[in-house]
PDB file of N, CA and C in Angstrom:
ATOM      1  N   MET A   1       0.841  -1.194   0.000  1.00  0.00           N
ATOM      2  CA  MET A   1       0.000   0.000   0.000  1.00  0.00           C
ATOM      3  C   MET A   1       0.874   1.241   0.000  1.00  0.00           C
ATOM      4  N   VAL A   2       0.341   2.302  -0.547  1.00  0.00           N
ATOM      5  CA  VAL A   2       1.025   3.589  -0.585  1.00  0.00           C
ATOM      6  C   VAL A   2       0.092   4.636   0.016  1.00  0.00           C
ATOM      7  N   THR A   3       0.648   5.762   0.409  1.00  0.00           N
ATOM      8  CA  THR A   3      -0.166   6.867   0.901  1.00  0.00           C
ATOM      9  C   THR A   3      -0.594   7.721  -0.284  1.00  0.00           C
ATOM     10  N   ALA A   4      -1.866   8.067  -0.309  1.00  0.00           N
ATOM     11  CA  ALA A   4      -2.412   8.897  -1.383  1.00  0.00           C
ATOM     12  C   ALA A   4      -3.285   9.986  -0.777  1.00  0.00           C
ATOM     13  N   THR A   5      -3.564  11.006  -1.583  1.00  0.00           N
ATOM     14  CA  THR A   5      -4.434  12.105  -1.192  1.00  0.00           C
ATOM     15  C   THR A   5      -5.619  12.135  -2.140  1.00  0.00           C
ATOM     16  N   VAL A   6      -6.808  12.302  -1.587  1.00  0.00           N
ATOM     17  CA  VAL A   6      -8.013  12.383  -2.403  1.00  0.00           C
ATOM     18  C   VAL A   6      -8.011  13.726  -3.140  1.00  0.00           C
ATOM     19  N   ARG A   7      -8.010  13.677  -4.459  1.00  0.00           N
ATOM     20  CA  ARG A   7      -8.071  14.891  -5.277  1.00  0.00           C
ATOM     21  C   ARG A   7      -9.517  15.375  -5.392  1.00  0.00           C
ATOM     22  N   GLU A   8     -10.412  14.453  -5.709  1.00  0.00           N
ATOM     23  CA  GLU A   8     -11.828  14.785  -5.859  1.00  0.00           C
ATOM     24  C   GLU A   8     -12.651  13.547  -5.550  1.00  0.00           C
ATOM     25  N   TRP A   9     -13.878  13.767  -5.086  1.00  0.00           N
ATOM     26  CA  TRP A   9     -14.773  12.653  -4.789  1.00  0.00           C
ATOM     27  C   TRP A   9     -16.196  13.057  -5.124  1.00  0.00           C
ATOM     28  N   HIS A  10     -16.930  12.173  -5.806  1.00  0.00           N
ATOM     29  CA  HIS A  10     -18.302  12.434  -6.248  1.00  0.00           C
ATOM     30  C   HIS A  10     -19.236  11.437  -5.561  1.00  0.00           C
ATOM     31  N   ASP A  11     -19.815  11.836  -4.432  1.00  0.00           N
ATOM     32  CA  ASP A  11     -20.713  10.953  -3.691  1.00  0.00           C
ATOM     33  C   ASP A  11     -21.874  10.466  -4.549  1.00  0.00           C
ATOM     34  N   GLU A  12     -22.449  11.376  -5.335  1.00  0.00           N
ATOM     35  CA  GLU A  12     -23.631  11.026  -6.121  1.00  0.00           C
ATOM     36  C   GLU A  12     -23.337   9.974  -7.187  1.00  0.00           C
ATOM     37  N   GLU A  13     -22.079   9.872  -7.614  1.00  0.00           N
ATOM     38  CA  GLU A  13     -21.689   8.889  -8.626  1.00  0.00           C
ATOM     39  C   GLU A  13     -20.864   7.747  -8.027  1.00  0.00           C
ATOM     40  N   GLY A  14     -20.367   7.927  -6.807  1.00  0.00           N
ATOM     41  CA  GLY A  14     -19.653   6.871  -6.113  1.00  0.00           C
ATOM     42  C   GLY A  14     -18.231   6.629  -6.548  1.00  0.00           C
ATOM     43  N   TRP A  15     -17.562   7.655  -7.066  1.00  0.00           N
ATOM     44  CA  TRP A  15     -16.176   7.489  -7.480  1.00  0.00           C
ATOM     45  C   TRP A  15     -15.401   8.791  -7.296  1.00  0.00           C
ATOM     46  N   GLY A  16     -14.070   8.672  -7.406  1.00  0.00           N
ATOM     47  CA  GLY A  16     -13.210   9.839  -7.294  1.00  0.00           C
ATOM     48  C   GLY A  16     -11.814   9.529  -7.778  1.00  0.00           C
ATOM     49  N   VAL A  17     -10.916  10.490  -7.553  1.00  0.00           N
ATOM     50  CA  VAL A  17      -9.534  10.387  -8.019  1.00  0.00           C
ATOM     51  C   VAL A  17      -8.606  10.586  -6.828  1.00  0.00           C
ATOM     52  N   LEU A  18      -7.592   9.712  -6.740  1.00  0.00           N
ATOM     53  CA  LEU A  18      -6.607   9.769  -5.665  1.00  0.00           C
ATOM     54  C   LEU A  18      -5.234   9.967  -6.282  1.00  0.00           C
ATOM     55  N   ASP A  19      -4.406  10.765  -5.628  1.00  0.00           N
ATOM     56  CA  ASP A  19      -3.070  11.072  -6.135  1.00  0.00           C
ATOM     57  C   ASP A  19      -1.988  10.503  -5.234  1.00  0.00           C
ATOM     58  N   SER A  20      -0.990   9.882  -5.858  1.00  0.00           N
ATOM     59  CA  SER A  20       0.209   9.420  -5.161  1.00  0.00           C
ATOM     60  C   SER A  20       1.356   9.438  -6.166  1.00  0.00           C
ATOM     61  N   PRO A  21       2.607   9.506  -5.690  1.00  0.00           N
ATOM     62  CA  PRO A  21       3.745   9.482  -6.615  1.00  0.00           C
ATOM     63  C   PRO A  21       3.779   8.196  -7.454  1.00  0.00           C
ATOM     64  N   GLU A  22       3.235   7.112  -6.937  1.00  0.00           N
ATOM     65  CA  GLU A  22       3.261   5.831  -7.639  1.00  0.00           C
ATOM     66  C   GLU A  22       2.195   5.721  -8.729  1.00  0.00           C
ATOM     67  N   THR A  23       1.218   6.649  -8.730  1.00  0.00           N
ATOM     68  CA  THR A  23       0.132   6.617  -9.715  1.00  0.00           C
ATOM     69  C   THR A  23       0.053   7.961 -10.446  1.00  0.00           C
ATOM     70  N   PRO A  24       1.074   8.284 -11.264  1.00  0.00           N
ATOM     71  CA  PRO A  24       1.084   9.586 -11.944  1.00  0.00           C
ATOM     72  C   PRO A  24      -0.166   9.785 -12.815  1.00  0.00           C
ATOM     73  N   GLY A  25      -0.754  10.958 -12.700  1.00  0.00           N
ATOM     74  CA  GLY A  25      -1.961  11.275 -13.444  1.00  0.00           C
ATOM     75  C   GLY A  25      -3.232  10.954 -12.678  1.00  0.00           C
ATOM     76  N   GLY A  26      -3.097  10.254 -11.557  1.00  0.00           N
ATOM     77  CA  GLY A  26      -4.248   9.951 -10.714  1.00  0.00           C
ATOM     78  C   GLY A  26      -4.678   8.509 -10.795  1.00  0.00           C
ATOM     79  N   CYS A  27      -5.371   8.085  -9.753  1.00  0.00           N
ATOM     80  CA  CYS A  27      -5.877   6.725  -9.626  1.00  0.00           C
ATOM     81  C   CYS A  27      -7.386   6.804  -9.435  1.00  0.00           C
ATOM     82  N   TRP A  28      -8.127   6.122 -10.292  1.00  0.00           N
ATOM     83  CA  TRP A  28      -9.582   6.095 -10.205  1.00  0.00           C
ATOM     84  C   TRP A  28      -9.985   5.203  -9.046  1.00  0.00           C
ATOM     85  N   GLY A  29     -10.934   5.655  -8.227  1.00  0.00           N
ATOM     86  CA  GLY A  29     -11.391   4.860  -7.094  1.00  0.00           C
ATOM     87  C   GLY A  29     -12.906   4.788  -7.036  1.00  0.00           C
ATOM     88  N   HIS A  30     -13.426   3.638  -6.658  1.00  0.00           N
ATOM     89  CA  HIS A  30     -14.862   3.403  -6.536  1.00  0.00           C
ATOM     90  C   HIS A  30     -15.213   3.226  -5.063  1.00  0.00           C
ATOM     91  N   TYR A  31     -16.411   3.631  -4.695  1.00  0.00           N
ATOM     92  CA  TYR A  31     -16.807   3.543  -3.274  1.00  0.00           C
ATOM     93  C   TYR A  31     -16.714   2.120  -2.730  1.00  0.00           C
ATOM     94  N   SER A  32     -16.890   1.118  -3.572  1.00  0.00           N
ATOM     95  CA  SER A  32     -16.850  -0.269  -3.109  1.00  0.00           C
ATOM     96  C   SER A  32     -15.455  -0.703  -2.672  1.00  0.00           C
ATOM     97  N   SER A  33     -14.423   0.070  -3.028  1.00  0.00           N
ATOM     98  CA  SER A  33     -13.044  -0.241  -2.628  1.00  0.00           C
ATOM     99  C   SER A  33     -12.666   0.375  -1.289  1.00  0.00           C
ATOM    100  N   ILE A  34     -13.538   1.234  -0.728  1.00  0.00           N
ATOM    101  CA  ILE A  34     -13.238   1.904   0.538  1.00  0.00           C
ATOM    102  C   ILE A  34     -13.482   0.930   1.685  1.00  0.00           C
ATOM    103  N   GLN A  35     -12.461   0.744   2.507  1.00  0.00           N
ATOM    104  CA  GLN A  35     -12.529  -0.192   3.639  1.00  0.00           C
ATOM    105  C   GLN A  35     -12.945   0.569   4.896  1.00  0.00           C
ATOM    106  N   THR A  36     -14.242   0.732   5.059  1.00  0.00           N
ATOM    107  CA  THR A  36     -14.792   1.425   6.221  1.00  0.00           C
ATOM    108  C   THR A  36     -16.214   0.950   6.471  1.00  0.00           C
ATOM    109  N   ARG A  37     -16.737   1.237   7.638  1.00  0.00           N
ATOM    110  CA  ARG A  37     -18.120   0.903   7.957  1.00  0.00           C
ATOM    111  C   ARG A  37     -19.017   2.070   7.585  1.00  0.00           C
ATOM    112  N   GLY A  38     -20.270   1.786   7.390  1.00  0.00           N
ATOM    113  CA  GLY A  38     -21.227   2.836   7.098  1.00  0.00           C
ATOM    114  C   GLY A  38     -21.132   3.324   5.666  1.00  0.00           C
ATOM    115  N   PHE A  39     -21.514   4.570   5.466  1.00  0.00           N
ATOM    116  CA  PHE A  39     -21.519   5.171   4.132  1.00  0.00           C
ATOM    117  C   PHE A  39     -20.091   5.319   3.632  1.00  0.00           C
ATOM    118  N   HIS A  40     -19.787   4.761   2.494  1.00  0.00           N
ATOM    119  CA  HIS A  40     -18.432   4.782   1.926  1.00  0.00           C
ATOM    120  C   HIS A  40     -18.226   6.054   1.125  1.00  0.00           C
ATOM    121  N   THR A  41     -17.512   7.000   1.733  1.00  0.00           N
ATOM    122  CA  THR A  41     -17.245   8.272   1.078  1.00  0.00           C
ATOM    123  C   THR A  41     -15.864   8.768   1.477  1.00  0.00           C
ATOM    124  N   LEU A  42     -15.322   9.669   0.670  1.00  0.00           N
ATOM    125  CA  LEU A  42     -14.044  10.313   0.951  1.00  0.00           C
ATOM    126  C   LEU A  42     -14.208  11.810   0.744  1.00  0.00           C
ATOM    127  N   SER A  43     -13.231  12.593   1.225  1.00  0.00           N
ATOM    128  CA  SER A  43     -13.270  14.047   1.087  1.00  0.00           C
ATOM    129  C   SER A  43     -11.993  14.540   0.433  1.00  0.00           C
ATOM    130  N   PRO A  44     -12.076  15.536  -0.447  1.00  0.00           N
ATOM    131  CA  PRO A  44     -10.858  16.095  -1.042  1.00  0.00           C
ATOM    132  C   PRO A  44      -9.870  16.523   0.038  1.00  0.00           C
ATOM    133  N   GLY A  45      -8.595  16.165  -0.183  1.00  0.00           N
ATOM    134  CA  GLY A  45      -7.536  16.480   0.767  1.00  0.00           C
ATOM    135  C   GLY A  45      -7.298  15.390   1.802  1.00  0.00           C
ATOM    136  N   GLN A  46      -8.206  14.442   1.910  1.00  0.00           N
ATOM    137  CA  GLN A  46      -8.083  13.357   2.885  1.00  0.00           C
ATOM    138  C   GLN A  46      -6.940  12.414   2.497  1.00  0.00           C
ATOM    139  N   LYS A  47      -6.195  11.949   3.495  1.00  0.00           N
ATOM    140  CA  LYS A  47      -5.117  10.977   3.289  1.00  0.00           C
ATOM    141  C   LYS A  47      -5.681   9.564   3.423  1.00  0.00           C
ATOM    142  N   VAL A  48      -5.235   8.682   2.537  1.00  0.00           N
ATOM    143  CA  VAL A  48      -5.669   7.296   2.555  1.00  0.00           C
ATOM    144  C   VAL A  48      -4.483   6.385   2.266  1.00  0.00           C
ATOM    145  N   ASP A  49      -4.609   5.136   2.692  1.00  0.00           N
ATOM    146  CA  ASP A  49      -3.682   4.100   2.261  1.00  0.00           C
ATOM    147  C   ASP A  49      -4.320   3.456   1.041  1.00  0.00           C
ATOM    148  N   LEU A  50      -3.530   3.287   0.001  1.00  0.00           N
ATOM    149  CA  LEU A  50      -4.062   2.885  -1.294  1.00  0.00           C
ATOM    150  C   LEU A  50      -3.331   1.667  -1.840  1.00  0.00           C
ATOM    151  N   GLN A  51      -4.095   0.686  -2.245  1.00  0.00           N
ATOM    152  CA  GLN A  51      -3.568  -0.438  -3.017  1.00  0.00           C
ATOM    153  C   GLN A  51      -4.187  -0.292  -4.397  1.00  0.00           C
ATOM    154  N   TRP A  52      -3.373  -0.323  -5.452  1.00  0.00           N
ATOM    155  CA  TRP A  52      -3.843  -0.023  -6.789  1.00  0.00           C
ATOM    156  C   TRP A  52      -3.359  -1.079  -7.782  1.00  0.00           C
ATOM    157  N   GLU A  53      -3.942  -1.014  -8.982  1.00  0.00           N
ATOM    158  CA  GLU A  53      -3.511  -1.869 -10.079  1.00  0.00           C
ATOM    159  C   GLU A  53      -3.521  -1.046 -11.361  1.00  0.00           C
ATOM    160  N   ALA A  54      -2.764  -1.514 -12.339  1.00  0.00           N
ATOM    161  CA  ALA A  54      -2.761  -0.932 -13.684  1.00  0.00           C
ATOM    162  C   ALA A  54      -3.418  -1.969 -14.585  1.00  0.00           C
ATOM    163  N   PRO A  55      -4.741  -1.861 -14.821  1.00  0.00           N
ATOM    164  CA  PRO A  55      -5.469  -2.936 -15.490  1.00  0.00           C
ATOM    165  C   PRO A  55      -5.156  -3.114 -16.976  1.00  0.00           C
ATOM    166  N   GLY A  56      -4.394  -2.210 -17.582  1.00  0.00           N
ATOM    167  CA  GLY A  56      -4.083  -2.345 -18.999  1.00  0.00           C
ATOM    168  C   GLY A  56      -5.068  -1.633 -19.910  1.00  0.00           C
ATOM    169  N   TYR A  57      -6.027  -0.956 -19.318  1.00  0.00           N
ATOM    170  CA  TYR A  57      -6.954  -0.103 -20.063  1.00  0.00           C
ATOM    171  C   TYR A  57      -7.249   1.101 -19.186  1.00  0.00           C
ATOM    172  N   ARG A  58      -7.793   2.148 -19.793  1.00  0.00           N
ATOM    173  CA  ARG A  58      -8.061   3.375 -19.048  1.00  0.00           C
ATOM    174  C   ARG A  58      -9.454   3.318 -18.425  1.00  0.00           C
ATOM    175  N   GLN A  59      -9.511   3.445 -17.115  1.00  0.00           N
ATOM    176  CA  GLN A  59     -10.778   3.486 -16.381  1.00  0.00           C
ATOM    177  C   GLN A  59     -11.206   4.936 -16.275  1.00  0.00           C
ATOM    178  N   ASP A  60     -12.205   5.336 -17.036  1.00  0.00           N
ATOM    179  CA  ASP A  60     -12.688   6.726 -17.056  1.00  0.00           C
ATOM    180  C   ASP A  60     -11.553   7.715 -17.279  1.00  0.00           C
ATOM    181  N   GLY A  61     -10.561   7.343 -18.091  1.00  0.00           N
ATOM    182  CA  GLY A  61      -9.461   8.232 -18.426  1.00  0.00           C
ATOM    183  C   GLY A  61      -8.232   8.100 -17.547  1.00  0.00           C
ATOM    184  N   TYR A  62      -8.218   7.159 -16.615  1.00  0.00           N
ATOM    185  CA  TYR A  62      -7.091   6.985 -15.692  1.00  0.00           C
ATOM    186  C   TYR A  62      -6.424   5.627 -15.919  1.00  0.00           C
ATOM    187  N   ASP A  63      -5.094   5.619 -15.869  1.00  0.00           N
ATOM    188  CA  ASP A  63      -4.329   4.394 -16.089  1.00  0.00           C
ATOM    189  C   ASP A  63      -4.319   3.475 -14.878  1.00  0.00           C
ATOM    190  N   TYR A  64      -4.666   3.995 -13.718  1.00  0.00           N
ATOM    191  CA  TYR A  64      -4.605   3.227 -12.474  1.00  0.00           C
ATOM    192  C   TYR A  64      -5.989   3.143 -11.845  1.00  0.00           C
ATOM    193  N   ARG A  65      -6.220   2.027 -11.160  1.00  0.00           N
ATOM    194  CA  ARG A  65      -7.526   1.792 -10.509  1.00  0.00           C
ATOM    195  C   ARG A  65      -7.263   1.297  -9.089  1.00  0.00           C
ATOM    196  N   ALA A  66      -7.996   1.854  -8.132  1.00  0.00           N
ATOM    197  CA  ALA A  66      -7.858   1.449  -6.726  1.00  0.00           C
ATOM    198  C   ALA A  66      -8.456   0.064  -6.522  1.00  0.00           C
ATOM    199  N   VAL A  67      -7.748  -0.753  -5.738  1.00  0.00           N
ATOM    200  CA  VAL A  67      -8.229  -2.069  -5.346  1.00  0.00           C
ATOM    201  C   VAL A  67      -8.726  -2.009  -3.902  1.00  0.00           C
ATOM    202  N   ASN A  68      -7.968  -1.335  -3.038  1.00  0.00           N
ATOM    203  CA  ASN A  68      -8.344  -1.114  -1.642  1.00  0.00           C
ATOM    204  C   ASN A  68      -8.003   0.318  -1.261  1.00  0.00           C
ATOM    205  N   ILE A  69      -8.933   0.968  -0.571  1.00  0.00           N
ATOM    206  CA  ILE A  69      -8.725   2.320  -0.073  1.00  0.00           C
ATOM    207  C   ILE A  69      -9.038   2.298   1.418  1.00  0.00           C
ATOM    208  N   ALA A  70      -8.042   2.601   2.237  1.00  0.00           N
ATOM    209  CA  ALA A  70      -8.211   2.614   3.687  1.00  0.00           C
ATOM    210  C   ALA A  70      -7.974   4.029   4.206  1.00  0.00           C
ATOM    211  N   PRO A  71      -9.048   4.731   4.611  1.00  0.00           N
ATOM    212  CA  PRO A  71      -8.875   6.078   5.148  1.00  0.00           C
ATOM    213  C   PRO A  71      -7.949   6.079   6.363  1.00  0.00           C
ATOM    214  N   GLN A  72      -7.036   7.047   6.406  1.00  0.00           N
ATOM    215  CA  GLN A  72      -6.160   7.198   7.566  1.00  0.00           C
ATOM    216  C   GLN A  72      -6.903   7.982   8.636  1.00  0.00           C
ATOM    217  N   PRO A  73      -6.584   7.724   9.919  1.00  0.00           N
ATOM    218  CA  PRO A  73      -7.219   8.500  10.990  1.00  0.00           C
ATOM    219  C   PRO A  73      -6.894   9.984  10.858  1.00  0.00           C
ATOM    220  N   ALA A  74      -7.848  10.809  11.187  1.00  0.00           N
ATOM    221  CA  ALA A  74      -7.665  12.264  11.079  1.00  0.00           C
ATOM    222  C   ALA A  74      -6.739  12.786  12.157  1.00  0.00           C
TER     223      ALA A  74
END
């Protein structure tokens, strides 16, 4: 896992973009990958632990896709 920062998050659509040095250009993330209880959401600027993959195709314009997203304690 790497540390990433949430660039943007769209609750109404259930996805967003996370930035880390290991995922240049951003990593696409889906709410189903967030490892938390209750409503799965993130906030811009929030730090998370990120496990990602490069699926070999562009997911909504991004080369990287989140597999697991674990919000860090505030």
